[in-house]
Amino acid sequence: MSTIFTKIIEGVIPSYKIAESDKFYAFLDIKPMVKGHTLVIPKQETDYIFDLEDNLLAEMTVFAKKVAKAIESTIECNRVGVMVLGLEVPHAHIHLIPISKEGDMNLSNPKLELTQEQFVEIAKSISERVII
């Protein structure tokens, strides 16, 4: 059975794509903590990030770095925070969250409610700056 993230990769479920390579996919979180909150996932369906082969985990980190640099140049923030939880979806993923202070990464903060137009605009702005 495929995860929701595999269905996003396959295009069965729509997403606001930021970047894609042959091994990874980055897209906006639909329940973002802040504007630009992005998820990076491997196309290989693996539940736990630390079960990925070492080389794939290293490549995923480099891919996430390129996406984070694009987020930094698009969304006003002090830096892009990184969060790995792995409990909400059984598919390895990294959260990239533009932050100005540590409290911006508090999971109990209210989630933003954005319109489809806002998601499209944010995704386009970030994706134009990703250099893969």
N, C-alpha and C. Protein backbone atom coordinates (compact mmCIF):
# COMPACT_ATOMS: atom_id res chain seq x y z
N MET A 1 0.85 -1.19 0.00
CA MET A 1 0.00 0.00 0.00
C MET A 1 0.89 1.24 0.00
N SER A 2 0.59 2.17 -0.87
CA SER A 2 1.39 3.38 -1.01
C SER A 2 1.05 4.40 0.07
N THR A 3 2.06 5.17 0.47
CA THR A 3 1.83 6.26 1.40
C THR A 3 1.25 7.45 0.65
N ILE A 4 0.73 8.40 1.40
CA ILE A 4 0.22 9.63 0.79
C ILE A 4 1.34 10.34 0.02
N PHE A 5 2.58 10.25 0.52
CA PHE A 5 3.69 10.90 -0.18
C PHE A 5 4.01 10.21 -1.49
N THR A 6 3.91 8.89 -1.54
CA THR A 6 4.12 8.17 -2.80
C THR A 6 3.05 8.58 -3.80
N LYS A 7 1.83 8.75 -3.33
CA LYS A 7 0.74 9.17 -4.22
C LYS A 7 0.98 10.59 -4.73
N ILE A 8 1.61 11.43 -3.91
CA ILE A 8 1.97 12.78 -4.37
C ILE A 8 3.04 12.70 -5.44
N ILE A 9 4.07 11.90 -5.21
CA ILE A 9 5.14 11.72 -6.20
C ILE A 9 4.57 11.22 -7.53
N GLU A 10 3.63 10.28 -7.45
CA GLU A 10 3.03 9.69 -8.66
C GLU A 10 2.02 10.62 -9.32
N GLY A 11 1.67 11.73 -8.67
CA GLY A 11 0.71 12.67 -9.24
C GLY A 11 -0.74 12.27 -9.00
N VAL A 12 -0.97 11.23 -8.20
CA VAL A 12 -2.33 10.80 -7.88
C VAL A 12 -2.99 11.84 -6.97
N ILE A 13 -2.19 12.40 -6.07
CA ILE A 13 -2.64 13.49 -5.19
C ILE A 13 -1.87 14.74 -5.60
N PRO A 14 -2.56 15.85 -5.84
CA PRO A 14 -1.85 17.07 -6.26
C PRO A 14 -1.00 17.66 -5.15
N SER A 15 0.03 18.40 -5.55
CA SER A 15 0.90 19.08 -4.58
C SER A 15 1.39 20.38 -5.19
N TYR A 16 1.97 21.19 -4.33
CA TYR A 16 2.59 22.44 -4.77
C TYR A 16 4.09 22.19 -4.83
N LYS A 17 4.52 21.68 -5.99
CA LYS A 17 5.90 21.23 -6.16
C LYS A 17 6.88 22.39 -6.12
N ILE A 18 7.97 22.16 -5.39
CA ILE A 18 9.07 23.12 -5.31
C ILE A 18 10.23 22.65 -6.19
N ALA A 19 10.59 21.37 -6.06
CA ALA A 19 11.71 20.83 -6.83
C ALA A 19 11.58 19.32 -6.92
N GLU A 20 12.26 18.76 -7.94
CA GLU A 20 12.24 17.32 -8.12
C GLU A 20 13.52 16.88 -8.81
N SER A 21 14.00 15.73 -8.40
CA SER A 21 15.12 15.09 -9.08
C SER A 21 14.71 13.64 -9.32
N ASP A 22 15.62 12.84 -9.81
CA ASP A 22 15.28 11.44 -10.02
C ASP A 22 15.07 10.69 -8.71
N LYS A 23 15.60 11.22 -7.59
CA LYS A 23 15.52 10.53 -6.30
C LYS A 23 14.68 11.22 -5.24
N PHE A 24 14.42 12.53 -5.42
CA PHE A 24 13.75 13.30 -4.36
C PHE A 24 12.68 14.22 -4.91
N TYR A 25 11.78 14.63 -4.01
CA TYR A 25 10.67 15.51 -4.36
C TYR A 25 10.47 16.47 -3.20
N ALA A 26 10.31 17.74 -3.50
CA ALA A 26 10.05 18.77 -2.48
C ALA A 26 8.75 19.49 -2.83
N PHE A 27 7.92 19.71 -1.83
CA PHE A 27 6.63 20.36 -2.04
C PHE A 27 6.20 21.09 -0.77
N LEU A 28 5.31 22.06 -0.94
CA LEU A 28 4.82 22.83 0.21
C LEU A 28 3.94 21.95 1.10
N ASP A 29 4.12 22.12 2.40
CA ASP A 29 3.26 21.47 3.38
C ASP A 29 1.89 22.13 3.28
N ILE A 30 0.82 21.34 3.20
CA ILE A 30 -0.51 21.94 3.06
C ILE A 30 -1.09 22.42 4.39
N LYS A 31 -0.40 22.11 5.48
CA LYS A 31 -0.76 22.66 6.79
C LYS A 31 0.49 23.33 7.37
N PRO A 32 0.91 24.42 6.71
CA PRO A 32 2.21 25.01 7.05
C PRO A 32 2.23 25.73 8.40
N MET A 33 3.39 25.66 9.03
CA MET A 33 3.62 26.43 10.25
C MET A 33 3.83 27.89 9.89
N VAL A 34 4.49 28.12 8.75
CA VAL A 34 4.74 29.47 8.21
C VAL A 34 4.75 29.38 6.69
N LYS A 35 4.69 30.53 6.02
CA LYS A 35 4.78 30.54 4.57
C LYS A 35 6.14 29.95 4.16
N GLY A 36 6.09 29.07 3.18
CA GLY A 36 7.32 28.46 2.68
C GLY A 36 7.67 27.14 3.33
N HIS A 37 6.90 26.70 4.32
CA HIS A 37 7.13 25.41 4.99
C HIS A 37 7.07 24.31 3.92
N THR A 38 8.19 23.63 3.74
CA THR A 38 8.36 22.67 2.65
C THR A 38 8.75 21.31 3.19
N LEU A 39 8.28 20.27 2.52
CA LEU A 39 8.66 18.89 2.84
C LEU A 39 9.57 18.36 1.74
N VAL A 40 10.61 17.65 2.13
CA VAL A 40 11.52 16.99 1.20
C VAL A 40 11.42 15.50 1.47
N ILE A 41 11.16 14.73 0.42
CA ILE A 41 10.98 13.29 0.58
C ILE A 41 11.80 12.52 -0.46
N PRO A 42 12.23 11.32 -0.09
CA PRO A 42 12.85 10.46 -1.10
C PRO A 42 11.74 9.81 -1.93
N LYS A 43 12.01 9.56 -3.19
CA LYS A 43 11.02 8.86 -4.01
C LYS A 43 10.93 7.39 -3.60
N GLN A 44 11.99 6.89 -3.03
CA GLN A 44 11.98 5.53 -2.50
C GLN A 44 11.15 5.52 -1.23
N GLU A 45 10.14 4.68 -1.19
CA GLU A 45 9.26 4.65 -0.02
C GLU A 45 9.96 3.91 1.13
N THR A 46 10.38 4.67 2.10
CA THR A 46 11.03 4.14 3.31
C THR A 46 10.40 4.85 4.49
N ASP A 47 9.99 4.10 5.49
CA ASP A 47 9.28 4.67 6.63
C ASP A 47 10.15 5.61 7.45
N TYR A 48 11.31 5.14 7.88
CA TYR A 48 12.13 5.86 8.85
C TYR A 48 13.37 6.43 8.16
N ILE A 49 13.62 7.71 8.35
CA ILE A 49 14.71 8.38 7.65
C ILE A 49 16.06 7.70 7.89
N PHE A 50 16.26 7.16 9.08
CA PHE A 50 17.55 6.52 9.37
C PHE A 50 17.62 5.07 8.90
N ASP A 51 16.58 4.62 8.19
CA ASP A 51 16.65 3.34 7.49
C ASP A 51 17.10 3.52 6.04
N LEU A 52 17.21 4.77 5.58
CA LEU A 52 17.72 5.02 4.24
C LEU A 52 19.19 4.62 4.17
N GLU A 53 19.61 4.15 3.00
CA GLU A 53 21.03 3.86 2.79
C GLU A 53 21.81 5.15 3.03
N ASP A 54 23.03 5.03 3.52
CA ASP A 54 23.85 6.21 3.86
C ASP A 54 23.97 7.18 2.70
N ASN A 55 24.25 6.66 1.50
CA ASN A 55 24.45 7.57 0.36
C ASN A 55 23.15 8.29 0.00
N LEU A 56 22.00 7.61 0.13
CA LEU A 56 20.73 8.25 -0.19
C LEU A 56 20.38 9.32 0.84
N LEU A 57 20.65 9.04 2.12
CA LEU A 57 20.43 10.03 3.17
C LEU A 57 21.32 11.26 2.94
N ALA A 58 22.57 11.03 2.58
CA ALA A 58 23.49 12.15 2.32
C ALA A 58 23.01 12.97 1.12
N GLU A 59 22.58 12.31 0.06
CA GLU A 59 22.08 13.01 -1.13
C GLU A 59 20.80 13.78 -0.81
N MET A 60 19.95 13.20 0.03
CA MET A 60 18.71 13.88 0.42
C MET A 60 19.02 15.16 1.19
N THR A 61 20.03 15.11 2.04
CA THR A 61 20.43 16.30 2.80
C THR A 61 20.95 17.39 1.86
N VAL A 62 21.73 17.02 0.87
CA VAL A 62 22.23 18.00 -0.11
C VAL A 62 21.08 18.58 -0.93
N PHE A 63 20.13 17.73 -1.33
CA PHE A 63 18.95 18.20 -2.06
C PHE A 63 18.16 19.19 -1.19
N ALA A 64 17.97 18.83 0.09
CA ALA A 64 17.24 19.71 1.02
C ALA A 64 17.96 21.03 1.19
N LYS A 65 19.29 21.00 1.21
CA LYS A 65 20.07 22.24 1.34
C LYS A 65 19.79 23.17 0.16
N LYS A 66 19.73 22.64 -1.04
CA LYS A 66 19.46 23.47 -2.22
C LYS A 66 18.07 24.08 -2.14
N VAL A 67 17.11 23.30 -1.67
CA VAL A 67 15.74 23.82 -1.50
C VAL A 67 15.72 24.88 -0.41
N ALA A 68 16.43 24.63 0.70
CA ALA A 68 16.48 25.60 1.80
C ALA A 68 17.08 26.93 1.34
N LYS A 69 18.12 26.89 0.53
CA LYS A 69 18.73 28.12 0.02
C LYS A 69 17.71 28.92 -0.81
N ALA A 70 16.90 28.21 -1.60
CA ALA A 70 15.87 28.88 -2.39
C ALA A 70 14.79 29.47 -1.49
N ILE A 71 14.43 28.75 -0.43
CA ILE A 71 13.44 29.28 0.53
C ILE A 71 13.99 30.55 1.17
N GLU A 72 15.25 30.51 1.62
CA GLU A 72 15.88 31.68 2.26
C GLU A 72 15.87 32.91 1.35
N SER A 73 16.05 32.68 0.06
CA SER A 73 16.10 33.82 -0.86
C SER A 73 14.71 34.31 -1.26
N THR A 74 13.68 33.59 -0.84
CA THR A 74 12.30 33.93 -1.22
C THR A 74 11.47 34.43 -0.04
N ILE A 75 11.58 33.76 1.08
CA ILE A 75 10.76 34.04 2.25
C ILE A 75 11.60 34.79 3.28
N GLU A 76 11.06 35.89 3.81
CA GLU A 76 11.80 36.65 4.82
C GLU A 76 11.95 35.81 6.08
N CYS A 77 13.20 35.54 6.45
CA CYS A 77 13.49 34.74 7.65
C CYS A 77 14.96 34.90 8.01
N ASN A 78 15.30 34.48 9.23
CA ASN A 78 16.71 34.51 9.64
C ASN A 78 17.46 33.30 9.12
N ARG A 79 16.75 32.18 9.02
CA ARG A 79 17.31 30.95 8.46
C ARG A 79 16.18 29.96 8.24
N VAL A 80 16.54 28.82 7.69
CA VAL A 80 15.56 27.76 7.50
C VAL A 80 15.86 26.66 8.52
N GLY A 81 14.89 26.42 9.39
CA GLY A 81 15.02 25.36 10.37
C GLY A 81 14.73 24.01 9.74
N VAL A 82 15.32 22.98 10.33
CA VAL A 82 15.13 21.61 9.84
C VAL A 82 14.51 20.78 10.95
N MET A 83 13.47 20.03 10.60
CA MET A 83 12.81 19.18 11.58
C MET A 83 12.55 17.82 10.95
N VAL A 84 12.90 16.78 11.68
CA VAL A 84 12.61 15.42 11.25
C VAL A 84 11.86 14.74 12.39
N LEU A 85 10.63 14.37 12.13
CA LEU A 85 9.83 13.70 13.15
C LEU A 85 9.56 12.26 12.74
N GLY A 86 8.92 12.11 11.61
CA GLY A 86 8.72 10.78 11.07
C GLY A 86 7.57 9.98 11.63
N LEU A 87 6.71 10.60 12.42
CA LEU A 87 5.59 9.84 12.98
C LEU A 87 4.28 10.08 12.23
N GLU A 88 4.15 11.24 11.59
CA GLU A 88 2.86 11.58 10.99
C GLU A 88 2.56 10.82 9.70
N VAL A 89 3.57 10.50 8.91
CA VAL A 89 3.41 9.76 7.66
C VAL A 89 4.52 8.71 7.61
N PRO A 90 4.20 7.46 7.31
CA PRO A 90 5.23 6.42 7.29
C PRO A 90 6.09 6.46 6.01
N HIS A 91 6.65 7.62 5.75
CA HIS A 91 7.51 7.84 4.58
C HIS A 91 8.52 8.91 5.02
N ALA A 92 9.79 8.58 4.97
CA ALA A 92 10.84 9.50 5.43
C ALA A 92 10.64 10.90 4.84
N HIS A 93 10.82 11.91 5.66
CA HIS A 93 10.69 13.28 5.17
C HIS A 93 11.38 14.27 6.10
N ILE A 94 11.77 15.38 5.50
CA ILE A 94 12.41 16.48 6.21
C ILE A 94 11.52 17.71 6.07
N HIS A 95 11.25 18.38 7.18
CA HIS A 95 10.53 19.66 7.15
C HIS A 95 11.57 20.78 7.05
N LEU A 96 11.39 21.68 6.11
CA LEU A 96 12.21 22.89 5.99
C LEU A 96 11.28 24.05 6.33
N ILE A 97 11.60 24.76 7.42
CA ILE A 97 10.69 25.78 7.94
C ILE A 97 11.41 27.11 8.09
N PRO A 98 11.00 28.13 7.32
CA PRO A 98 11.60 29.45 7.48
C PRO A 98 11.32 29.97 8.90
N ILE A 99 12.37 30.39 9.60
CA ILE A 99 12.19 30.84 10.98
C ILE A 99 12.92 32.16 11.23
N SER A 100 12.39 32.91 12.18
CA SER A 100 13.04 34.13 12.65
C SER A 100 13.47 33.98 14.11
N LYS A 101 12.82 33.02 14.80
CA LYS A 101 13.17 32.72 16.19
C LYS A 101 12.86 31.26 16.46
N GLU A 102 13.44 30.69 17.51
CA GLU A 102 13.26 29.27 17.80
C GLU A 102 11.80 28.89 17.97
N GLY A 103 11.01 29.77 18.56
CA GLY A 103 9.60 29.48 18.79
C GLY A 103 8.81 29.24 17.52
N ASP A 104 9.36 29.66 16.38
CA ASP A 104 8.66 29.45 15.11
C ASP A 104 8.55 27.97 14.76
N MET A 105 9.35 27.12 15.42
CA MET A 105 9.32 25.69 15.12
C MET A 105 8.50 24.90 16.14
N ASN A 106 7.74 25.59 16.96
CA ASN A 106 6.91 24.94 17.97
C ASN A 106 5.69 24.32 17.28
N LEU A 107 5.56 23.02 17.38
CA LEU A 107 4.47 22.31 16.70
C LEU A 107 3.08 22.69 17.21
N SER A 108 3.00 23.28 18.39
CA SER A 108 1.69 23.68 18.90
C SER A 108 1.25 25.05 18.38
N ASN A 109 2.13 25.73 17.63
CA ASN A 109 1.72 27.00 17.01
C ASN A 109 0.57 26.74 16.04
N PRO A 110 -0.34 27.70 15.91
CA PRO A 110 -1.43 27.52 14.94
C PRO A 110 -0.86 27.41 13.52
N LYS A 111 -1.50 26.57 12.72
CA LYS A 111 -1.09 26.40 11.32
C LYS A 111 -1.70 27.52 10.50
N LEU A 112 -1.00 27.90 9.43
CA LEU A 112 -1.53 28.92 8.54
C LEU A 112 -2.63 28.34 7.67
N GLU A 113 -3.56 29.16 7.31
CA GLU A 113 -4.56 28.78 6.32
C GLU A 113 -4.34 29.67 5.12
N LEU A 114 -3.86 29.07 4.05
CA LEU A 114 -3.56 29.81 2.83
C LEU A 114 -4.53 29.43 1.73
N THR A 115 -4.76 30.34 0.82
CA THR A 115 -5.61 30.04 -0.34
C THR A 115 -4.79 29.28 -1.37
N GLN A 116 -5.48 28.66 -2.28
CA GLN A 116 -4.78 27.95 -3.37
C GLN A 116 -3.87 28.92 -4.12
N GLU A 117 -4.35 30.12 -4.35
CA GLU A 117 -3.56 31.13 -5.07
C GLU A 117 -2.28 31.46 -4.30
N GLN A 118 -2.37 31.57 -2.99
CA GLN A 118 -1.18 31.85 -2.18
C GLN A 118 -0.19 30.68 -2.25
N PHE A 119 -0.69 29.45 -2.16
CA PHE A 119 0.19 28.28 -2.28
C PHE A 119 0.90 28.29 -3.64
N VAL A 120 0.14 28.53 -4.69
CA VAL A 120 0.71 28.54 -6.05
C VAL A 120 1.79 29.61 -6.17
N GLU A 121 1.50 30.80 -5.65
CA GLU A 121 2.46 31.91 -5.73
C GLU A 121 3.74 31.60 -4.94
N ILE A 122 3.60 31.06 -3.73
CA ILE A 122 4.76 30.71 -2.91
C ILE A 122 5.59 29.62 -3.60
N ALA A 123 4.92 28.58 -4.07
CA ALA A 123 5.63 27.48 -4.73
C ALA A 123 6.38 27.97 -5.95
N LYS A 124 5.74 28.80 -6.75
CA LYS A 124 6.38 29.33 -7.96
C LYS A 124 7.60 30.17 -7.59
N SER A 125 7.45 31.04 -6.61
CA SER A 125 8.55 31.92 -6.20
C SER A 125 9.76 31.13 -5.71
N ILE A 126 9.52 30.10 -4.91
CA ILE A 126 10.63 29.30 -4.39
C ILE A 126 11.23 28.44 -5.50
N SER A 127 10.37 27.77 -6.27
CA SER A 127 10.87 26.83 -7.28
C SER A 127 11.73 27.53 -8.33
N GLU A 128 11.43 28.79 -8.61
CA GLU A 128 12.23 29.55 -9.59
C GLU A 128 13.67 29.77 -9.10
N ARG A 129 13.88 29.64 -7.81
CA ARG A 129 15.21 29.90 -7.24
C ARG A 129 15.99 28.62 -6.88
N VAL A 130 15.37 27.47 -7.06
CA VAL A 130 16.05 26.21 -6.75
C VAL A 130 17.01 25.86 -7.88
N ILE A 131 18.24 25.58 -7.51
CA ILE A 131 19.24 25.15 -8.48
C ILE A 131 19.63 23.73 -8.12
N ILE A 132 19.13 22.80 -8.90
CA ILE A 132 19.41 21.36 -8.65
C ILE A 132 20.59 20.91 -9.50
